[in-house]
């Protein structure tokens, strides 16, 4: 019985020793092994590791890329003495666990506060050298890289690396928006509207002129076609008249005289003054007409 109890005690002691001397390092972590309160070694390889129980202890650090969010935007002044509200975020990671622990005692909050202060200072310097247009458009990438390099230079001994700095939102302060930006935006919109109206008016005149030209061309072509048809009709009529006149000249002359009488006396109110001896009345005076006169 005593041997069983002794064996159980030995097993419990061995299990306790194993539990306190074995630890696992995750692939997302750095492990720092302390010996009597001093940094003994840094472990970066994931897996199962050993330490001396009661003598050494282990602390872990996150080795992933972390994010610092500015939260409320900061007021920054440009080279034009105009205030902007800028918020940002920073991507960073621990690259030297020993230096990081010495600098911040492993506190991410302390590290983020220190880096946020450095980012604000570098951002002020970068924005102070640029105009609003540069910060909001073509020089924005350049400014962000300048901020990243400046902050990295100042944290290179703290065991961290600044992966990226992004200016997320760049806005005018409310008083600038009210005093100058909105009126300028309205003026710009009016200018664009007037420009579009001018372009539209020019296009309308162009379309109208083209329509008038097409109208004139169509009318000219229609008139030409009508005159051609009329000319052909007149030619055919003249040919018919000539043929009829050649077949019976006396009847043709008589028919034309009747048509002339009809056109001359359409209304009872019509009055015509002609010499009675005129050829116009030859068929009225003599039913034989010219043939009788000739005989």
C-alpha atoms as a PDB file:
ATOM      1  CA  UNK A   1       0.000   0.000   0.000  1.00  0.00           C
ATOM      2  CA  UNK A   2       2.822   2.384   0.885  1.00  0.00           C
ATOM      3  CA  UNK A   3       4.521   1.605  -2.417  1.00  0.00           C
ATOM      4  CA  UNK A   4       1.351   2.499  -4.341  1.00  0.00           C
ATOM      5  CA  UNK A   5       0.984   5.811  -2.520  1.00  0.00           C
ATOM      6  CA  UNK A   6       4.658   6.596  -3.080  1.00  0.00           C
ATOM      7  CA  UNK A   7       4.339   5.766  -6.773  1.00  0.00           C
ATOM      8  CA  UNK A   8       1.317   8.054  -7.100  1.00  0.00           C
ATOM      9  CA  UNK A   9       3.195  10.874  -5.399  1.00  0.00           C
ATOM     10  CA  UNK A  10       6.161  10.412  -7.721  1.00  0.00           C
ATOM     11  CA  UNK A  11       3.905  10.424 -10.777  1.00  0.00           C
ATOM     12  CA  UNK A  12       2.168  13.585  -9.580  1.00  0.00           C
ATOM     13  CA  UNK A  13       5.517  15.306  -9.018  1.00  0.00           C
ATOM     14  CA  UNK A  14       6.749  14.234 -12.467  1.00  0.00           C
ATOM     15  CA  UNK A  15       3.509  15.470 -14.102  1.00  0.00           C
ATOM     16  CA  UNK A  16       3.811  18.776 -12.284  1.00  0.00           C
ATOM     17  CA  UNK A  17       7.418  19.161 -13.387  1.00  0.00           C
ATOM     18  CA  UNK A  18       6.514  18.361 -16.979  1.00  0.00           C
ATOM     19  CA  UNK A  19       3.605  20.792 -16.922  1.00  0.00           C
ATOM     20  CA  UNK A  20       5.768  23.620 -15.590  1.00  0.00           C
ATOM     21  CA  UNK A  21       8.738  22.884 -17.858  1.00  0.00           C
ATOM     22  CA  UNK A  22       6.958  22.455 -21.217  1.00  0.00           C
ATOM     23  CA  UNK A  23       5.340  25.237 -23.233  1.00  0.00           C
ATOM     24  CA  UNK A  24       4.039  25.662 -26.781  1.00  0.00           C
ATOM     25  CA  UNK A  25       4.896  28.561 -29.069  1.00  0.00           C
ATOM     26  CA  UNK A  26       2.174  29.435 -31.596  1.00  0.00           C
ATOM     27  CA  UNK A  27       3.195  30.414 -35.140  1.00  0.00           C
ATOM     28  CA  UNK A  28       1.554  33.810 -34.548  1.00  0.00           C
ATOM     29  CA  UNK A  29       3.699  34.535 -31.493  1.00  0.00           C
ATOM     30  CA  UNK A  30       7.174  35.277 -30.229  1.00  0.00           C
ATOM     31  CA  UNK A  31       8.123  33.694 -26.885  1.00  0.00           C
ATOM     32  CA  UNK A  32      10.541  35.414 -24.467  1.00  0.00           C
ATOM     33  CA  UNK A  33      12.098  33.192 -21.823  1.00  0.00           C
ATOM     34  CA  UNK A  34      13.031  35.011 -18.592  1.00  0.00           C
ATOM     35  CA  UNK A  35      15.480  33.663 -16.063  1.00  0.00           C
ATOM     36  CA  UNK A  36      15.386  35.297 -12.638  1.00  0.00           C
ATOM     37  CA  UNK A  37      13.621  38.297 -14.177  1.00  0.00           C
ATOM     38  CA  UNK A  38      16.155  38.806 -16.972  1.00  0.00           C
ATOM     39  CA  UNK A  39      15.628  38.017 -20.654  1.00  0.00           C
ATOM     40  CA  UNK A  40      17.326  34.687 -21.288  1.00  0.00           C
ATOM     41  CA  UNK A  41      16.360  34.025 -24.890  1.00  0.00           C
ATOM     42  CA  UNK A  42      13.766  34.757 -27.591  1.00  0.00           C
ATOM     43  CA  UNK A  43      12.035  31.896 -29.390  1.00  0.00           C
ATOM     44  CA  UNK A  44      10.584  32.548 -32.847  1.00  0.00           C
ATOM     45  CA  UNK A  45      10.140  28.957 -34.047  1.00  0.00           C
ATOM     46  CA  UNK A  46       6.669  27.514 -33.356  1.00  0.00           C
ATOM     47  CA  UNK A  47       6.384  24.182 -31.593  1.00  0.00           C
ATOM     48  CA  UNK A  48       7.055  22.481 -28.256  1.00  0.00           C
ATOM     49  CA  UNK A  49       9.806  23.966 -26.048  1.00  0.00           C
ATOM     50  CA  UNK A  50      11.218  23.417 -22.554  1.00  0.00           C
ATOM     51  CA  UNK A  51      12.213  25.645 -19.666  1.00  0.00           C
ATOM     52  CA  UNK A  52      13.505  25.155 -16.165  1.00  0.00           C
ATOM     53  CA  UNK A  53      10.601  25.074 -13.730  1.00  0.00           C
ATOM     54  CA  UNK A  54      10.668  27.550 -10.860  1.00  0.00           C
ATOM     55  CA  UNK A  55      13.658  29.247 -12.496  1.00  0.00           C
ATOM     56  CA  UNK A  56      12.426  30.393 -15.889  1.00  0.00           C
ATOM     57  CA  UNK A  57       9.117  31.876 -17.036  1.00  0.00           C
ATOM     58  CA  UNK A  58       7.755  32.673 -20.495  1.00  0.00           C
ATOM     59  CA  UNK A  59       5.950  35.704 -21.977  1.00  0.00           C
ATOM     60  CA  UNK A  60       4.481  35.818 -25.501  1.00  0.00           C
ATOM     61  CA  UNK A  61       4.197  38.669 -28.010  1.00  0.00           C
ATOM     62  CA  UNK A  62       1.934  38.931 -31.054  1.00  0.00           C
ATOM     63  CA  UNK A  63       4.032  38.745 -34.226  1.00  0.00           C
ATOM     64  CA  UNK A  64       1.174  39.551 -36.648  1.00  0.00           C
ATOM     65  CA  UNK A  65       0.643  42.888 -38.396  1.00  0.00           C
ATOM     66  CA  UNK A  66      -1.311  45.112 -36.016  1.00  0.00           C
ATOM     67  CA  UNK A  67      -3.367  48.266 -36.619  1.00  0.00           C
ATOM     68  CA  UNK A  68      -3.397  51.646 -34.925  1.00  0.00           C
ATOM     69  CA  UNK A  69      -6.578  53.622 -35.662  1.00  0.00           C
ATOM     70  CA  UNK A  70      -6.483  57.362 -35.038  1.00  0.00           C
ATOM     71  CA  UNK A  71     -10.119  57.466 -33.954  1.00  0.00           C
ATOM     72  CA  UNK A  72     -11.056  61.168 -33.933  1.00  0.00           C
ATOM     73  CA  UNK A  73      -9.497  63.201 -36.770  1.00  0.00           C
ATOM     74  CA  UNK A  74      -6.594  65.541 -36.060  1.00  0.00           C
ATOM     75  CA  UNK A  75      -6.570  69.201 -37.100  1.00  0.00           C
ATOM     76  CA  UNK A  76      -3.561  69.855 -39.343  1.00  0.00           C
ATOM     77  CA  UNK A  77      -2.568  73.058 -41.158  1.00  0.00           C
ATOM     78  CA  UNK A  78      -1.366  73.168 -44.769  1.00  0.00           C
ATOM     79  CA  UNK A  79       1.240  75.460 -46.301  1.00  0.00           C
ATOM     80  CA  UNK A  80      -1.668  77.751 -47.285  1.00  0.00           C
ATOM     81  CA  UNK A  81      -2.587  78.140 -43.590  1.00  0.00           C
ATOM     82  CA  UNK A  82      -5.800  76.195 -44.107  1.00  0.00           C
ATOM     83  CA  UNK A  83      -6.925  73.698 -41.487  1.00  0.00           C
ATOM     84  CA  UNK A  84      -7.763  70.130 -42.431  1.00  0.00           C
ATOM     85  CA  UNK A  85      -9.280  67.311 -40.404  1.00  0.00           C
ATOM     86  CA  UNK A  86      -7.291  64.140 -41.070  1.00  0.00           C
ATOM     87  CA  UNK A  87      -7.719  60.676 -39.645  1.00  0.00           C
ATOM     88  CA  UNK A  88      -5.333  57.836 -40.365  1.00  0.00           C
ATOM     89  CA  UNK A  89      -4.402  54.265 -39.583  1.00  0.00           C
ATOM     90  CA  UNK A  90      -1.002  52.640 -39.154  1.00  0.00           C
ATOM     91  CA  UNK A  91       0.040  49.051 -39.845  1.00  0.00           C
ATOM     92  CA  UNK A  92       2.921  47.850 -37.664  1.00  0.00           C
ATOM     93  CA  UNK A  93       4.489  44.692 -36.294  1.00  0.00           C
ATOM     94  CA  UNK A  94       7.018  43.535 -33.709  1.00  0.00           C
ATOM     95  CA  UNK A  95      10.321  42.587 -35.373  1.00  0.00           C
ATOM     96  CA  UNK A  96      12.733  42.653 -32.427  1.00  0.00           C
ATOM     97  CA  UNK A  97      10.998  41.123 -29.405  1.00  0.00           C
ATOM     98  CA  UNK A  98      13.847  41.866 -26.995  1.00  0.00           C
ATOM     99  CA  UNK A  99      14.058  45.578 -27.861  1.00  0.00           C
ATOM    100  CA  UNK A 100      10.248  45.801 -27.879  1.00  0.00           C
ATOM    101  CA  UNK A 101       9.993  44.290 -24.394  1.00  0.00           C
ATOM    102  CA  UNK A 102      12.659  46.585 -23.044  1.00  0.00           C
ATOM    103  CA  UNK A 103      10.918  49.627 -24.564  1.00  0.00           C
ATOM    104  CA  UNK A 104       7.301  48.871 -23.668  1.00  0.00           C
ATOM    105  CA  UNK A 105       7.375  45.918 -21.234  1.00  0.00           C
ATOM    106  CA  UNK A 106       5.251  44.029 -23.751  1.00  0.00           C
ATOM    107  CA  UNK A 107       2.363  46.533 -23.598  1.00  0.00           C
ATOM    108  CA  UNK A 108       0.689  47.038 -27.002  1.00  0.00           C
ATOM    109  CA  UNK A 109      -1.206  50.035 -25.645  1.00  0.00           C
ATOM    110  CA  UNK A 110       2.011  51.791 -24.613  1.00  0.00           C
ATOM    111  CA  UNK A 111       3.553  51.040 -28.021  1.00  0.00           C
ATOM    112  CA  UNK A 112       0.485  52.352 -29.876  1.00  0.00           C
ATOM    113  CA  UNK A 113       0.406  55.566 -27.830  1.00  0.00           C
ATOM    114  CA  UNK A 114       4.091  56.188 -28.549  1.00  0.00           C
ATOM    115  CA  UNK A 115       3.728  55.509 -32.270  1.00  0.00           C
ATOM    116  CA  UNK A 116       0.532  57.587 -32.520  1.00  0.00           C
ATOM    117  CA  UNK A 117       2.407  60.570 -31.094  1.00  0.00           C
ATOM    118  CA  UNK A 118       5.224  60.083 -33.619  1.00  0.00           C
ATOM    119  CA  UNK A 119       2.746  59.705 -36.502  1.00  0.00           C
ATOM    120  CA  UNK A 120       0.947  62.929 -35.582  1.00  0.00           C
ATOM    121  CA  UNK A 121       4.241  64.809 -35.437  1.00  0.00           C
ATOM    122  CA  UNK A 122       5.403  63.429 -38.810  1.00  0.00           C
ATOM    123  CA  UNK A 123       1.971  64.068 -40.332  1.00  0.00           C
ATOM    124  CA  UNK A 124       2.036  67.710 -39.210  1.00  0.00           C
ATOM    125  CA  UNK A 125       5.429  68.204 -40.818  1.00  0.00           C
ATOM    126  CA  UNK A 126       4.408  66.511 -44.080  1.00  0.00           C
ATOM    127  CA  UNK A 127       1.123  68.407 -44.406  1.00  0.00           C
ATOM    128  CA  UNK A 128       2.664  71.764 -43.396  1.00  0.00           C
ATOM    129  CA  UNK A 129       4.898  71.582 -46.483  1.00  0.00           C
ATOM    130  CA  UNK A 130       2.053  70.914 -48.920  1.00  0.00           C
ATOM    131  CA  UNK A 131      -1.065  72.605 -50.236  1.00  0.00           C
ATOM    132  CA  UNK A 132      -4.636  71.371 -49.925  1.00  0.00           C
ATOM    133  CA  UNK A 133      -4.617  70.235 -53.552  1.00  0.00           C
ATOM    134  CA  UNK A 134      -1.434  68.244 -53.068  1.00  0.00           C
ATOM    135  CA  UNK A 135      -2.684  66.508 -49.921  1.00  0.00           C
ATOM    136  CA  UNK A 136      -6.027  65.633 -51.471  1.00  0.00           C
ATOM    137  CA  UNK A 137      -4.776  64.503 -54.868  1.00  0.00           C
ATOM    138  CA  UNK A 138      -1.461  63.853 -56.611  1.00  0.00           C
ATOM    139  CA  UNK A 139       0.954  64.273 -53.657  1.00  0.00           C
ATOM    140  CA  UNK A 140      -1.037  62.231 -51.152  1.00  0.00           C
ATOM    141  CA  UNK A 141       0.880  58.987 -51.716  1.00  0.00           C
ATOM    142  CA  UNK A 142       4.160  60.842 -51.437  1.00  0.00           C
ATOM    143  CA  UNK A 143       3.092  62.420 -48.144  1.00  0.00           C
ATOM    144  CA  UNK A 144       2.039  59.062 -46.655  1.00  0.00           C
ATOM    145  CA  UNK A 145       5.350  57.453 -47.602  1.00  0.00           C
ATOM    146  CA  UNK A 146       7.201  60.403 -46.110  1.00  0.00           C
ATOM    147  CA  UNK A 147       5.301  59.958 -42.840  1.00  0.00           C
ATOM    148  CA  UNK A 148       6.031  56.221 -42.773  1.00  0.00           C
ATOM    149  CA  UNK A 149       9.756  56.719 -43.348  1.00  0.00           C
ATOM    150  CA  UNK A 150       9.959  59.462 -40.712  1.00  0.00           C
ATOM    151  CA  UNK A 151       8.192  57.348 -38.076  1.00  0.00           C
ATOM    152  CA  UNK A 152      10.229  54.252 -38.943  1.00  0.00           C
ATOM    153  CA  UNK A 153      13.435  56.195 -38.447  1.00  0.00           C
ATOM    154  CA  UNK A 154      12.319  57.130 -34.937  1.00  0.00           C
ATOM    155  CA  UNK A 155      11.127  53.656 -33.888  1.00  0.00           C
ATOM    156  CA  UNK A 156      13.934  51.585 -35.381  1.00  0.00           C
ATOM    157  CA  UNK A 157      15.458  51.052 -31.880  1.00  0.00           C
ATOM    158  CA  UNK A 158      12.119  50.166 -30.272  1.00  0.00           C
ATOM    159  CA  UNK A 159      11.811  46.730 -31.858  1.00  0.00           C
ATOM    160  CA  UNK A 160       8.912  47.547 -34.217  1.00  0.00           C
ATOM    161  CA  UNK A 161       8.556  48.110 -37.959  1.00  0.00           C
ATOM    162  CA  UNK A 162       6.054  50.520 -39.540  1.00  0.00           C
ATOM    163  CA  UNK A 163       4.541  48.576 -42.415  1.00  0.00           C
ATOM    164  CA  UNK A 164       2.275  51.313 -43.794  1.00  0.00           C
ATOM    165  CA  UNK A 165       0.650  54.657 -42.984  1.00  0.00           C
ATOM    166  CA  UNK A 166      -2.607  55.698 -44.662  1.00  0.00           C
ATOM    167  CA  UNK A 167      -4.398  59.038 -44.532  1.00  0.00           C
ATOM    168  CA  UNK A 168      -7.939  57.701 -44.575  1.00  0.00           C
ATOM    169  CA  UNK A 169     -10.096  60.855 -44.619  1.00  0.00           C
ATOM    170  CA  UNK A 170      -9.043  64.409 -45.430  1.00  0.00           C
ATOM    171  CA  UNK A 171     -11.784  66.989 -44.833  1.00  0.00           C
ATOM    172  CA  UNK A 172     -12.037  70.723 -44.375  1.00  0.00           C
ATOM    173  CA  UNK A 173     -12.954  72.073 -40.983  1.00  0.00           C
ATOM    174  CA  UNK A 174     -16.624  73.234 -40.831  1.00  0.00           C
ATOM    175  CA  UNK A 175     -15.834  76.961 -40.878  1.00  0.00           C
ATOM    176  CA  UNK A 176     -13.800  76.637 -44.076  1.00  0.00           C
ATOM    177  CA  UNK A 177     -16.521  74.559 -45.695  1.00  0.00           C
ATOM    178  CA  UNK A 178     -19.095  77.244 -44.886  1.00  0.00           C
ATOM    179  CA  UNK A 179     -16.961  80.293 -45.709  1.00  0.00           C
ATOM    180  CA  UNK A 180     -15.160  79.317 -48.893  1.00  0.00           C
ATOM    181  CA  UNK A 181     -15.513  75.761 -50.084  1.00  0.00           C
ATOM    182  CA  UNK A 182     -19.282  75.675 -50.600  1.00  0.00           C
ATOM    183  CA  UNK A 183     -19.382  79.000 -52.506  1.00  0.00           C
ATOM    184  CA  UNK A 184     -16.444  77.857 -54.608  1.00  0.00           C
ATOM    185  CA  UNK A 185     -18.163  74.559 -55.313  1.00  0.00           C
ATOM    186  CA  UNK A 186     -21.351  76.403 -56.289  1.00  0.00           C
ATOM    187  CA  UNK A 187     -19.402  78.735 -58.576  1.00  0.00           C
ATOM    188  CA  UNK A 188     -17.675  75.769 -60.171  1.00  0.00           C
ATOM    189  CA  UNK A 189     -21.005  74.013 -60.702  1.00  0.00           C
ATOM    190  CA  UNK A 190     -22.441  77.183 -62.279  1.00  0.00           C
ATOM    191  CA  UNK A 191     -19.415  77.442 -64.541  1.00  0.00           C
ATOM    192  CA  UNK A 192     -19.805  73.832 -65.628  1.00  0.00           C
ATOM    193  CA  UNK A 193     -23.553  74.343 -66.157  1.00  0.00           C
ATOM    194  CA  UNK A 194     -22.965  77.449 -68.298  1.00  0.00           C
ATOM    195  CA  UNK A 195     -20.304  75.617 -70.260  1.00  0.00           C
ATOM    196  CA  UNK A 196     -22.679  72.730 -70.893  1.00  0.00           C
ATOM    197  CA  UNK A 197     -25.420  75.161 -71.939  1.00  0.00           C
ATOM    198  CA  UNK A 198     -23.013  76.844 -74.379  1.00  0.00           C
ATOM    199  CA  UNK A 199     -21.989  73.497 -75.810  1.00  0.00           C
ATOM    200  CA  UNK A 200     -25.648  72.504 -76.066  1.00  0.00           C
ATOM    201  CA  UNK A 201     -26.539  75.802 -77.777  1.00  0.00           C
ATOM    202  CA  UNK A 202     -23.713  75.364 -80.271  1.00  0.00           C
ATOM    203  CA  UNK A 203     -24.805  71.804 -81.003  1.00  0.00           C
ATOM    204  CA  UNK A 204     -28.409  72.968 -81.403  1.00  0.00           C
ATOM    205  CA  UNK A 205     -27.377  75.647 -83.901  1.00  0.00           C
ATOM    206  CA  UNK A 206     -25.274  73.096 -85.760  1.00  0.00           C
ATOM    207  CA  UNK A 207     -28.198  70.661 -85.921  1.00  0.00           C
ATOM    208  CA  UNK A 208     -30.581  73.446 -87.002  1.00  0.00           C
ATOM    209  CA  UNK A 209     -28.197  74.638 -89.724  1.00  0.00           C
ATOM    210  CA  UNK A 210     -27.769  71.073 -90.972  1.00  0.00           C
ATOM    211  CA  UNK A 211     -31.551  70.578 -90.991  1.00  0.00           C
ATOM    212  CA  UNK A 212     -32.034  73.854 -92.931  1.00  0.00           C
ATOM    213  CA  UNK A 213     -29.380  72.772 -95.409  1.00  0.00           C
ATOM    214  CA  UNK A 214     -31.031  69.399 -95.876  1.00  0.00           C
ATOM    215  CA  UNK A 215     -34.401  71.136 -96.299  1.00  0.00           C
ATOM    216  CA  UNK A 216     -33.013  73.400 -99.010  1.00  0.00           C
ATOM    217  CA  UNK A 217     -31.365  70.456-100.748  1.00  0.00           C
ATOM    218  CA  UNK A 218     -34.595  68.443-100.639  1.00  0.00           C
ATOM    219  CA  UNK A 219     -36.656  71.376-101.937  1.00  0.00           C
ATOM    220  CA  UNK A 220     -34.137  72.010-104.718  1.00  0.00           C
ATOM    221  CA  UNK A 221     -34.117  68.362-105.719  1.00  0.00           C
ATOM    222  CA  UNK A 222     -37.924  68.232-105.592  1.00  0.00           C
ATOM    223  CA  UNK A 223     -38.188  71.405-107.709  1.00  0.00           C
ATOM    224  CA  UNK A 224     -35.687  70.010-110.193  1.00  0.00           C
ATOM    225  CA  UNK A 225     -37.624  66.743-110.402  1.00  0.00           C
ATOM    226  CA  UNK A 226     -40.922  68.639-110.771  1.00  0.00           C
ATOM    227  CA  UNK A 227     -39.527  70.846-113.499  1.00  0.00           C
ATOM    228  CA  UNK A 228     -38.155  67.814-115.254  1.00  0.00           C
ATOM    229  CA  UNK A 229     -41.551  66.077-115.100  1.00  0.00           C
ATOM    230  CA  UNK A 230     -43.267  69.283-116.168  1.00  0.00           C
ATOM    231  CA  UNK A 231     -40.852  69.693-119.047  1.00  0.00           C
ATOM    232  CA  UNK A 232     -41.432  66.123-120.146  1.00  0.00           C
ATOM    233  CA  UNK A 233     -45.184  66.673-119.882  1.00  0.00           C
ATOM    234  CA  UNK A 234     -44.977  69.913-121.877  1.00  0.00           C
ATOM    235  CA  UNK A 235     -42.862  68.152-124.482  1.00  0.00           C
ATOM    236  CA  UNK A 236     -45.370  65.329-124.759  1.00  0.00           C
ATOM    237  CA  UNK A 237     -48.250  67.809-124.887  1.00  0.00           C
ATOM    238  CA  UNK A 238     -46.487  69.798-127.583  1.00  0.00           C
ATOM    239  CA  UNK A 239     -45.897  66.594-129.507  1.00  0.00           C
ATOM    240  CA  UNK A 240     -49.557  65.660-129.236  1.00  0.00           C
ATOM    241  CA  UNK A 241     -50.638  69.154-130.253  1.00  0.00           C
ATOM    242  CA  UNK A 242     -48.263  69.087-133.205  1.00  0.00           C
ATOM    243  CA  UNK A 243     -49.524  65.670-134.282  1.00  0.00           C
ATOM    244  CA  UNK A 244     -53.135  66.802-133.971  1.00  0.00           C
ATOM    245  CA  UNK A 245     -52.425  70.048-135.802  1.00  0.00           C
ATOM    246  CA  UNK A 246     -50.732  68.141-138.588  1.00  0.00           C
ATOM    247  CA  UNK A 247     -53.694  65.767-138.975  1.00  0.00           C
ATOM    248  CA  UNK A 248     -56.378  68.529-139.196  1.00  0.00           C
ATOM    249  CA  UNK A 249     -55.089  72.065-138.856  1.00  0.00           C
ATOM    250  CA  UNK A 250     -58.546  73.617-139.287  1.00  0.00           C
ATOM    251  CA  UNK A 251     -60.074  71.558-136.439  1.00  0.00           C
ATOM    252  CA  UNK A 252     -57.086  72.284-134.234  1.00  0.00           C
ATOM    253  CA  UNK A 253     -57.454  76.028-134.858  1.00  0.00           C
ATOM    254  CA  UNK A 254     -61.179  75.803-134.161  1.00  0.00           C
ATOM    255  CA  UNK A 255     -60.625  73.880-130.895  1.00  0.00           C
ATOM    256  CA  UNK A 256     -58.017  76.340-129.681  1.00  0.00           C
ATOM    257  CA  UNK A 257     -60.358  79.238-130.446  1.00  0.00           C
ATOM    258  CA  UNK A 258     -63.156  77.618-128.439  1.00  0.00           C
ATOM    259  CA  UNK A 259     -60.790  77.159-125.518  1.00  0.00           C
ATOM    260  CA  UNK A 260     -59.789  80.804-125.790  1.00  0.00           C
ATOM    261  CA  UNK A 261     -63.463  81.875-125.766  1.00  0.00           C
ATOM    262  CA  UNK A 262     -64.073  79.702-122.697  1.00  0.00           C
ATOM    263  CA  UNK A 263     -61.156  81.219-120.802  1.00  0.00           C
ATOM    264  CA  UNK A 264     -62.120  84.760-121.818  1.00  0.00           C
ATOM    265  CA  UNK A 265     -65.812  84.588-120.819  1.00  0.00           C
ATOM    266  CA  UNK A 266     -65.766  82.649-117.536  1.00  0.00           C
ATOM    267  CA  UNK A 267     -67.990  85.174-115.788  1.00  0.00           C
ATOM    268  CA  UNK A 268     -70.844  87.408-116.907  1.00  0.00           C
ATOM    269  CA  UNK A 269     -68.992  90.336-115.407  1.00  0.00           C
ATOM    270  CA  UNK A 270     -65.993  89.810-117.672  1.00  0.00           C
ATOM    271  CA  UNK A 271     -65.466  92.529-120.262  1.00  0.00           C
ATOM    272  CA  UNK A 272     -63.151  92.332-123.271  1.00  0.00           C
ATOM    273  CA  UNK A 273     -62.397  95.055-125.762  1.00  0.00           C
ATOM    274  CA  UNK A 274     -61.218  93.757-129.111  1.00  0.00           C
ATOM    275  CA  UNK A 275     -61.338  95.115-132.671  1.00  0.00           C
ATOM    276  CA  UNK A 276     -64.333  93.427-134.381  1.00  0.00           C
ATOM    277  CA  UNK A 277     -62.181  92.750-137.401  1.00  0.00           C
ATOM    278  CA  UNK A 278     -59.709  90.812-135.246  1.00  0.00           C
ATOM    279  CA  UNK A 279     -58.965  87.195-135.997  1.00  0.00           C
ATOM    280  CA  UNK A 280     -60.206  86.412-132.437  1.00  0.00           C
ATOM    281  CA  UNK A 281     -63.859  86.462-133.658  1.00  0.00           C
ATOM    282  CA  UNK A 282     -63.343  84.754-136.983  1.00  0.00           C
ATOM    283  CA  UNK A 283     -65.287  81.616-135.909  1.00  0.00           C
ATOM    284  CA  UNK A 284     -68.080  83.742-134.425  1.00  0.00           C
ATOM    285  CA  UNK A 285     -68.520  85.746-137.593  1.00  0.00           C
ATOM    286  CA  UNK A 286     -68.282  82.809-139.955  1.00  0.00           C
ATOM    287  CA  UNK A 287     -68.898  79.209-139.045  1.00  0.00           C
ATOM    288  CA  UNK A 288     -66.601  78.207-141.833  1.00  0.00           C
ATOM    289  CA  UNK A 289     -63.838  80.130-140.283  1.00  0.00           C
ATOM    290  CA  UNK A 290     -60.660  80.586-142.167  1.00  0.00           C
ATOM    291  CA  UNK A 291     -61.535  77.893-144.711  1.00  0.00           C
ATOM    292  CA  UNK A 292     -64.676  79.741-145.834  1.00  0.00           C
ATOM    293  CA  UNK A 293     -62.818  82.996-145.956  1.00  0.00           C
ATOM    294  CA  UNK A 294     -60.152  81.394-148.109  1.00  0.00           C
ATOM    295  CA  UNK A 295     -62.737  80.034-150.513  1.00  0.00           C
END
